[in-house]
């Protein structure tokens, strides 16, 4: 995150006004389809460049 981005979110709530360069999603058993199939296009639409998924169900 750049200094400019950090300053822009320093005093804001959980709703960001600046698109983060990276989002990491932790897959929930209740939203597997949404996490893998829908969110990636939603995040791309708002300008997220990198999207990672952590699926604890797949970790052995």
Protein backbone atom coordinates (compact mmCIF):
# COMPACT_ATOMS: atom_id res chain seq x y z
CA UNK A 1 0.00 0.00 0.00
CA UNK A 2 1.36 3.41 -0.90
CA UNK A 3 1.76 6.21 1.64
CA UNK A 4 -1.00 8.09 -0.17
CA UNK A 5 -3.38 5.12 0.14
CA UNK A 6 -2.49 4.64 3.81
CA UNK A 7 -3.23 8.29 4.54
CA UNK A 8 -6.55 8.11 2.70
CA UNK A 9 -7.82 5.27 4.91
CA UNK A 10 -6.16 6.31 8.16
CA UNK A 11 -9.25 8.00 9.57
CA UNK A 12 -11.98 6.17 7.68
CA UNK A 13 -14.34 3.43 8.67
CA UNK A 14 -14.27 -0.07 7.21
CA UNK A 15 -15.61 1.33 3.95
CA UNK A 16 -12.64 2.22 1.78
CA UNK A 17 -12.64 5.14 -0.62
CA UNK A 18 -9.45 3.93 -2.26
CA UNK A 19 -9.29 0.59 -4.04
CA UNK A 20 -6.74 -1.65 -2.31
CA UNK A 21 -4.12 -3.18 -4.61
CA UNK A 22 -4.63 -6.62 -3.04
CA UNK A 23 -7.59 -8.42 -1.50
CA UNK A 24 -7.38 -11.80 0.20
CA UNK A 25 -10.59 -13.73 0.76
CA UNK A 26 -10.94 -16.47 3.38
CA UNK A 27 -13.46 -18.93 1.98
CA UNK A 28 -16.46 -19.63 4.14
CA UNK A 29 -18.44 -22.88 3.92
CA UNK A 30 -21.57 -20.76 3.52
CA UNK A 31 -20.24 -18.83 0.52
CA UNK A 32 -17.91 -21.13 -1.43
CA UNK A 33 -19.54 -20.43 -4.81
CA UNK A 34 -19.66 -16.68 -4.22
CA UNK A 35 -16.05 -16.54 -2.99
CA UNK A 36 -14.67 -18.50 -5.97
CA UNK A 37 -16.95 -17.35 -8.79
CA UNK A 38 -18.66 -14.04 -8.13
CA UNK A 39 -16.32 -11.95 -6.00
CA UNK A 40 -13.39 -12.08 -8.41
CA UNK A 41 -15.39 -10.26 -11.10
CA UNK A 42 -16.87 -7.85 -8.54
CA UNK A 43 -13.40 -6.94 -7.30
CA UNK A 44 -12.02 -6.61 -10.85
CA UNK A 45 -14.91 -4.28 -11.68
CA UNK A 46 -13.87 -1.86 -8.92
CA UNK A 47 -10.19 -2.01 -9.90
CA UNK A 48 -8.59 -4.56 -7.58
CA UNK A 49 -5.42 -5.82 -9.30
CA UNK A 50 -4.59 -8.88 -7.18
CA UNK A 51 -7.09 -11.25 -5.55
CA UNK A 52 -6.08 -14.20 -3.38
CA UNK A 53 -8.17 -16.98 -1.90
CA UNK A 54 -7.43 -18.86 1.29
CA UNK A 55 -9.50 -22.01 1.52
CA UNK A 56 -8.90 -23.67 4.88
CA UNK A 57 -10.99 -26.63 3.71
CA UNK A 58 -8.29 -27.37 1.10
CA UNK A 59 -5.38 -27.06 3.54
CA UNK A 60 -4.28 -30.47 4.77
